[in-house]
């Protein structure tokens, strides 16, 4: 993943974090929102450490189209499809 692509995804992540922190969250969604914020924060740290975009399971590149929609993902679609795996 090149610098331009990382910058684009970083902007998406920051926008999503801002959106989640500014929205009025119902109490029943608070845990899910907190988990998503933690995952987005981890994605930002991985971008800064230059190890973003690789699947944690198989170490192959995660599809850029998937990262644009789910920038916090840590698994490629192949590993995600395997039983028992989650994003």
C-alpha atoms as a PDB file:
ATOM      1  CA  UNK A   1       0.000   0.000   0.000  1.00  0.00           C
ATOM      2  CA  UNK A   2       1.483   3.299  -1.039  1.00  0.00           C
ATOM      3  CA  UNK A   3       1.606   6.551   0.937  1.00  0.00           C
ATOM      4  CA  UNK A   4      -1.332   8.097  -0.936  1.00  0.00           C
ATOM      5  CA  UNK A   5      -3.550   5.083  -0.231  1.00  0.00           C
ATOM      6  CA  UNK A   6      -2.578   5.091   3.458  1.00  0.00           C
ATOM      7  CA  UNK A   7      -3.359   8.812   3.677  1.00  0.00           C
ATOM      8  CA  UNK A   8      -6.765   8.256   2.085  1.00  0.00           C
ATOM      9  CA  UNK A   9      -7.661   5.442   4.476  1.00  0.00           C
ATOM     10  CA  UNK A  10      -6.359   7.424   7.442  1.00  0.00           C
ATOM     11  CA  UNK A  11      -8.743  10.245   6.507  1.00  0.00           C
ATOM     12  CA  UNK A  12     -11.629   7.753   6.296  1.00  0.00           C
ATOM     13  CA  UNK A  13     -10.755   6.373   9.732  1.00  0.00           C
ATOM     14  CA  UNK A  14     -10.547   9.842  11.289  1.00  0.00           C
ATOM     15  CA  UNK A  15     -13.922  10.763   9.777  1.00  0.00           C
ATOM     16  CA  UNK A  16     -15.497   7.591  11.142  1.00  0.00           C
ATOM     17  CA  UNK A  17     -14.022   8.177  14.604  1.00  0.00           C
ATOM     18  CA  UNK A  18     -15.323  11.747  14.610  1.00  0.00           C
ATOM     19  CA  UNK A  19     -18.754  10.579  13.501  1.00  0.00           C
ATOM     20  CA  UNK A  20     -18.939   7.910  16.204  1.00  0.00           C
ATOM     21  CA  UNK A  21     -17.826  10.251  18.978  1.00  0.00           C
ATOM     22  CA  UNK A  22     -20.171  13.072  17.956  1.00  0.00           C
ATOM     23  CA  UNK A  23     -23.306  10.980  17.511  1.00  0.00           C
ATOM     24  CA  UNK A  24     -25.754  10.588  20.316  1.00  0.00           C
ATOM     25  CA  UNK A  25     -25.458   6.912  21.139  1.00  0.00           C
ATOM     26  CA  UNK A  26     -28.243   4.868  22.670  1.00  0.00           C
ATOM     27  CA  UNK A  27     -27.048   2.967  25.766  1.00  0.00           C
ATOM     28  CA  UNK A  28     -27.625  -0.387  24.066  1.00  0.00           C
ATOM     29  CA  UNK A  29     -25.136   0.596  21.332  1.00  0.00           C
ATOM     30  CA  UNK A  30     -22.455   1.971  23.652  1.00  0.00           C
ATOM     31  CA  UNK A  31     -20.432  -1.256  23.888  1.00  0.00           C
ATOM     32  CA  UNK A  32     -20.475  -1.771  20.133  1.00  0.00           C
ATOM     33  CA  UNK A  33     -19.472   1.855  19.533  1.00  0.00           C
ATOM     34  CA  UNK A  34     -16.622   1.585  22.049  1.00  0.00           C
ATOM     35  CA  UNK A  35     -15.325  -1.585  20.360  1.00  0.00           C
ATOM     36  CA  UNK A  36     -15.467   0.040  16.908  1.00  0.00           C
ATOM     37  CA  UNK A  37     -13.605   3.115  18.205  1.00  0.00           C
ATOM     38  CA  UNK A  38     -10.920   0.859  19.682  1.00  0.00           C
ATOM     39  CA  UNK A  39     -10.566  -1.018  16.391  1.00  0.00           C
ATOM     40  CA  UNK A  40     -10.346   2.212  14.405  1.00  0.00           C
ATOM     41  CA  UNK A  41      -7.695   3.493  16.818  1.00  0.00           C
ATOM     42  CA  UNK A  42      -5.728   0.277  16.328  1.00  0.00           C
ATOM     43  CA  UNK A  43      -5.989   0.726  12.561  1.00  0.00           C
ATOM     44  CA  UNK A  44      -4.528   4.242  12.891  1.00  0.00           C
ATOM     45  CA  UNK A  45      -1.614   2.907  14.926  1.00  0.00           C
ATOM     46  CA  UNK A  46      -1.008   0.185  12.328  1.00  0.00           C
ATOM     47  CA  UNK A  47      -0.938   2.815   9.560  1.00  0.00           C
ATOM     48  CA  UNK A  48       1.622   4.842  11.524  1.00  0.00           C
ATOM     49  CA  UNK A  49       3.705   1.696  12.162  1.00  0.00           C
ATOM     50  CA  UNK A  50       3.521   0.882   8.435  1.00  0.00           C
ATOM     51  CA  UNK A  51       2.026  -2.571   8.966  1.00  0.00           C
ATOM     52  CA  UNK A  52      -1.500  -1.747   7.869  1.00  0.00           C
ATOM     53  CA  UNK A  53      -3.323  -3.681   5.169  1.00  0.00           C
ATOM     54  CA  UNK A  54      -1.931  -7.162   5.800  1.00  0.00           C
ATOM     55  CA  UNK A  55      -4.151  -9.977   6.996  1.00  0.00           C
ATOM     56  CA  UNK A  56      -3.279 -10.978  10.558  1.00  0.00           C
ATOM     57  CA  UNK A  57      -3.972 -14.624   9.773  1.00  0.00           C
ATOM     58  CA  UNK A  58      -2.398 -15.318   6.361  1.00  0.00           C
ATOM     59  CA  UNK A  59      -0.299 -12.108   6.020  1.00  0.00           C
ATOM     60  CA  UNK A  60      -1.528 -11.522   2.454  1.00  0.00           C
ATOM     61  CA  UNK A  61      -2.654  -8.014   1.493  1.00  0.00           C
ATOM     62  CA  UNK A  62      -6.239  -7.170   2.408  1.00  0.00           C
ATOM     63  CA  UNK A  63      -8.262  -6.012  -0.596  1.00  0.00           C
ATOM     64  CA  UNK A  64      -8.204  -2.214  -0.862  1.00  0.00           C
ATOM     65  CA  UNK A  65     -11.944  -2.149  -1.587  1.00  0.00           C
ATOM     66  CA  UNK A  66     -12.528  -3.911   1.745  1.00  0.00           C
ATOM     67  CA  UNK A  67     -10.237  -1.506   3.610  1.00  0.00           C
ATOM     68  CA  UNK A  68     -12.101   1.487   2.180  1.00  0.00           C
ATOM     69  CA  UNK A  69     -15.394   0.165   3.586  1.00  0.00           C
ATOM     70  CA  UNK A  70     -14.071  -1.462   6.769  1.00  0.00           C
ATOM     71  CA  UNK A  71     -10.765   0.295   7.504  1.00  0.00           C
ATOM     72  CA  UNK A  72     -10.523  -1.409  10.895  1.00  0.00           C
ATOM     73  CA  UNK A  73     -10.546  -4.909   9.410  1.00  0.00           C
ATOM     74  CA  UNK A  74      -7.614  -7.170  10.187  1.00  0.00           C
ATOM     75  CA  UNK A  75      -8.577 -10.129   7.966  1.00  0.00           C
ATOM     76  CA  UNK A  76      -8.771 -10.603   4.219  1.00  0.00           C
ATOM     77  CA  UNK A  77     -12.007 -11.931   2.752  1.00  0.00           C
ATOM     78  CA  UNK A  78     -10.557 -15.442   2.339  1.00  0.00           C
ATOM     79  CA  UNK A  79      -9.699 -15.709   6.035  1.00  0.00           C
ATOM     80  CA  UNK A  80     -12.973 -14.037   7.012  1.00  0.00           C
ATOM     81  CA  UNK A  81     -14.904 -16.772   5.184  1.00  0.00           C
ATOM     82  CA  UNK A  82     -13.217 -19.513   7.207  1.00  0.00           C
ATOM     83  CA  UNK A  83     -15.441 -20.874  10.005  1.00  0.00           C
ATOM     84  CA  UNK A  84     -15.004 -19.172  13.358  1.00  0.00           C
ATOM     85  CA  UNK A  85     -13.282 -16.030  12.012  1.00  0.00           C
ATOM     86  CA  UNK A  86     -14.503 -12.467  12.511  1.00  0.00           C
ATOM     87  CA  UNK A  87     -13.337  -8.991  11.421  1.00  0.00           C
END
